[in-house]
N, C-alpha and C. Protein backbone atom coordinates (compact mmCIF):
# COMPACT_ATOMS: atom_id res chain seq x y z
N MET A 1 0.85 -1.16 0.00
CA MET A 1 -0.03 -0.03 0.00
C MET A 1 0.90 1.24 0.02
N ASN A 2 0.52 2.26 -0.71
CA ASN A 2 1.31 3.48 -0.82
C ASN A 2 0.47 4.66 -0.27
N TYR A 3 1.11 5.52 0.45
CA TYR A 3 0.47 6.78 0.93
C TYR A 3 1.30 7.92 0.37
N GLN A 4 0.64 9.01 0.01
CA GLN A 4 1.35 10.22 -0.33
C GLN A 4 1.10 11.21 0.81
N VAL A 5 2.17 11.60 1.41
CA VAL A 5 2.03 12.49 2.60
C VAL A 5 2.89 13.74 2.41
N THR A 6 2.71 14.74 3.28
CA THR A 6 3.38 16.01 3.21
C THR A 6 4.60 16.02 4.12
N ALA A 7 5.69 16.65 3.65
CA ALA A 7 6.84 16.88 4.47
C ALA A 7 7.03 18.39 4.69
N LEU A 8 6.91 18.88 5.90
CA LEU A 8 7.16 20.23 6.22
C LEU A 8 8.56 20.32 6.86
N ILE A 9 9.46 21.09 6.33
CA ILE A 9 10.83 21.16 6.80
C ILE A 9 11.20 22.58 7.05
N GLY A 10 11.70 22.84 8.30
CA GLY A 10 12.11 24.17 8.66
C GLY A 10 13.42 24.18 9.44
N ARG A 11 14.13 25.27 9.34
CA ARG A 11 15.39 25.39 10.06
C ARG A 11 15.13 25.55 11.54
N GLU A 12 15.87 24.90 12.34
CA GLU A 12 15.86 25.05 13.79
C GLU A 12 17.27 25.03 14.31
N GLY A 13 17.80 26.13 14.75
CA GLY A 13 19.21 26.21 15.17
C GLY A 13 20.10 25.90 14.00
N ASP A 14 21.01 24.99 14.21
CA ASP A 14 21.99 24.63 13.13
C ASP A 14 21.49 23.52 12.22
N GLY A 15 20.30 22.99 12.46
CA GLY A 15 19.77 21.90 11.67
C GLY A 15 18.40 22.15 11.14
N TYR A 16 17.73 21.09 10.73
CA TYR A 16 16.39 21.19 10.18
C TYR A 16 15.48 20.15 10.84
N VAL A 17 14.26 20.60 11.10
CA VAL A 17 13.24 19.68 11.67
C VAL A 17 12.22 19.40 10.55
N SER A 18 11.80 18.18 10.47
CA SER A 18 10.83 17.78 9.44
C SER A 18 9.58 17.18 10.11
N LEU A 19 8.42 17.44 9.56
CA LEU A 19 7.16 16.95 10.12
C LEU A 19 6.25 16.42 9.02
N CYS A 20 5.62 15.30 9.26
CA CYS A 20 4.54 14.77 8.45
C CYS A 20 3.26 15.07 9.17
N PRO A 21 2.52 16.14 8.80
CA PRO A 21 1.28 16.46 9.55
C PRO A 21 0.20 15.41 9.45
N GLU A 22 0.12 14.65 8.35
CA GLU A 22 -0.90 13.67 8.17
C GLU A 22 -0.87 12.54 9.24
N LEU A 23 0.36 12.25 9.69
CA LEU A 23 0.51 11.15 10.67
C LEU A 23 1.12 11.67 12.01
N ASP A 24 1.43 12.96 12.12
CA ASP A 24 2.10 13.52 13.25
C ASP A 24 3.39 12.79 13.60
N VAL A 25 4.23 12.58 12.59
CA VAL A 25 5.54 11.96 12.73
C VAL A 25 6.60 13.04 12.43
N ALA A 26 7.65 13.12 13.23
CA ALA A 26 8.64 14.13 13.06
C ALA A 26 10.05 13.50 13.03
N SER A 27 10.98 14.23 12.45
CA SER A 27 12.40 13.80 12.44
C SER A 27 13.25 15.10 12.27
N GLU A 28 14.57 14.89 12.05
CA GLU A 28 15.43 16.04 11.89
C GLU A 28 16.65 15.64 11.10
N GLY A 29 17.49 16.59 10.74
CA GLY A 29 18.69 16.35 10.04
C GLY A 29 19.54 17.60 9.95
N ASP A 30 20.81 17.45 9.52
CA ASP A 30 21.73 18.54 9.40
C ASP A 30 21.46 19.33 8.12
N SER A 31 20.76 18.85 7.14
CA SER A 31 20.41 19.50 5.94
C SER A 31 18.95 19.27 5.57
N VAL A 32 18.43 20.01 4.63
CA VAL A 32 17.10 19.80 4.20
C VAL A 32 16.95 18.38 3.66
N GLU A 33 17.88 17.96 2.84
CA GLU A 33 17.85 16.59 2.26
C GLU A 33 17.86 15.54 3.31
N GLU A 34 18.70 15.72 4.33
CA GLU A 34 18.83 14.70 5.37
C GLU A 34 17.57 14.68 6.26
N ALA A 35 16.99 15.86 6.53
CA ALA A 35 15.72 15.89 7.31
C ALA A 35 14.63 15.24 6.56
N ARG A 36 14.58 15.42 5.21
CA ARG A 36 13.52 14.79 4.38
C ARG A 36 13.73 13.27 4.35
N ALA A 37 14.96 12.83 4.17
CA ALA A 37 15.22 11.36 4.12
C ALA A 37 14.97 10.74 5.46
N ASN A 38 15.28 11.40 6.58
CA ASN A 38 15.02 10.87 7.87
C ASN A 38 13.53 10.81 8.17
N LEU A 39 12.80 11.79 7.72
CA LEU A 39 11.36 11.76 7.88
C LEU A 39 10.73 10.64 7.10
N GLN A 40 11.19 10.45 5.85
CA GLN A 40 10.67 9.38 5.06
C GLN A 40 10.87 8.06 5.78
N GLU A 41 12.07 7.81 6.30
CA GLU A 41 12.36 6.63 7.04
C GLU A 41 11.49 6.46 8.27
N ALA A 42 11.28 7.56 9.01
CA ALA A 42 10.45 7.54 10.23
C ALA A 42 9.00 7.19 9.87
N VAL A 43 8.49 7.77 8.82
CA VAL A 43 7.11 7.48 8.37
C VAL A 43 6.98 6.03 7.95
N GLU A 44 7.94 5.54 7.17
CA GLU A 44 7.91 4.14 6.71
C GLU A 44 7.98 3.15 7.91
N LEU A 45 8.81 3.49 8.90
CA LEU A 45 8.91 2.63 10.09
C LEU A 45 7.58 2.65 10.90
N PHE A 46 7.03 3.88 11.01
CA PHE A 46 5.69 3.99 11.69
C PHE A 46 4.70 3.12 11.01
N LEU A 47 4.57 3.20 9.69
CA LEU A 47 3.60 2.44 8.95
C LEU A 47 3.80 0.93 9.04
N GLU A 48 5.12 0.53 9.10
CA GLU A 48 5.41 -0.88 9.24
C GLU A 48 5.04 -1.43 10.63
N CYS A 49 5.24 -0.60 11.65
CA CYS A 49 5.11 -1.07 13.03
C CYS A 49 3.71 -0.81 13.63
N ALA A 50 3.00 0.16 13.16
CA ALA A 50 1.72 0.54 13.77
C ALA A 50 0.65 -0.41 13.30
N SER A 51 -0.38 -0.56 14.13
CA SER A 51 -1.50 -1.36 13.76
C SER A 51 -2.36 -0.56 12.76
N ARG A 52 -3.17 -1.25 12.02
CA ARG A 52 -4.05 -0.55 11.04
C ARG A 52 -4.94 0.43 11.81
N LYS A 53 -5.40 0.09 13.01
CA LYS A 53 -6.25 0.97 13.78
C LYS A 53 -5.53 2.24 14.13
N GLU A 54 -4.27 2.13 14.59
CA GLU A 54 -3.51 3.35 14.94
C GLU A 54 -3.25 4.21 13.74
N ILE A 55 -2.95 3.62 12.59
CA ILE A 55 -2.78 4.37 11.35
C ILE A 55 -4.06 5.09 10.97
N GLU A 56 -5.19 4.42 11.05
CA GLU A 56 -6.46 5.06 10.73
C GLU A 56 -6.78 6.19 11.67
N GLU A 57 -6.52 6.04 12.94
CA GLU A 57 -6.80 7.04 13.94
C GLU A 57 -5.91 8.27 13.76
N ARG A 58 -4.67 8.10 13.38
CA ARG A 58 -3.70 9.21 13.25
C ARG A 58 -3.69 9.84 11.89
N LEU A 59 -4.13 9.15 10.83
CA LEU A 59 -4.03 9.64 9.48
C LEU A 59 -5.07 10.74 9.27
N HIS A 60 -4.55 11.93 8.92
CA HIS A 60 -5.41 13.05 8.59
C HIS A 60 -5.24 13.26 7.07
N ASN A 61 -6.26 12.97 6.30
CA ASN A 61 -6.20 13.05 4.82
C ASN A 61 -6.25 14.44 4.30
N GLU A 62 -6.75 15.39 5.05
CA GLU A 62 -6.95 16.75 4.60
C GLU A 62 -5.98 17.68 5.29
N VAL A 63 -4.89 18.01 4.63
CA VAL A 63 -3.89 18.91 5.19
C VAL A 63 -3.68 20.04 4.22
N TYR A 64 -3.71 21.28 4.76
CA TYR A 64 -3.54 22.47 3.95
C TYR A 64 -2.27 23.19 4.43
N VAL A 65 -1.43 23.66 3.54
CA VAL A 65 -0.27 24.44 3.88
C VAL A 65 -0.48 25.80 3.30
N ALA A 66 -0.41 26.83 4.14
CA ALA A 66 -0.60 28.22 3.70
C ALA A 66 0.32 29.13 4.45
N ARG A 67 0.73 30.20 3.81
CA ARG A 67 1.51 31.24 4.45
C ARG A 67 0.62 32.38 4.92
N LEU A 68 0.92 32.89 6.09
CA LEU A 68 0.11 33.96 6.66
C LEU A 68 0.98 35.22 6.82
N ASN A 69 0.35 36.38 6.60
CA ASN A 69 0.97 37.66 6.98
C ASN A 69 0.41 38.03 8.35
N VAL A 70 1.27 38.17 9.32
CA VAL A 70 0.79 38.40 10.70
C VAL A 70 1.47 39.69 11.18
N ALA A 71 0.62 40.60 11.65
CA ALA A 71 1.11 41.89 12.20
C ALA A 71 1.38 41.72 13.69
N PHE A 72 2.46 42.35 14.13
CA PHE A 72 2.76 42.33 15.57
C PHE A 72 3.54 43.59 15.96
N GLY A 73 3.56 43.88 17.24
CA GLY A 73 4.32 45.03 17.74
C GLY A 73 3.73 46.30 17.33
């Protein structure tokens, strides 16, 4: 079975944090590419180890990514 999921990657300190919002799985790496590869591995491991029920409970099929302009100060 194949799933197509989202990878959100952002800089944090000297590295990068990656998140799959559909499954709430996260990872990290020293580069964008490493953070992405580590997230892919983490998602694959989760899907291999989790029960079908846990996958169904955690899987959010509707994820939207949007940029916001926020005023402050």
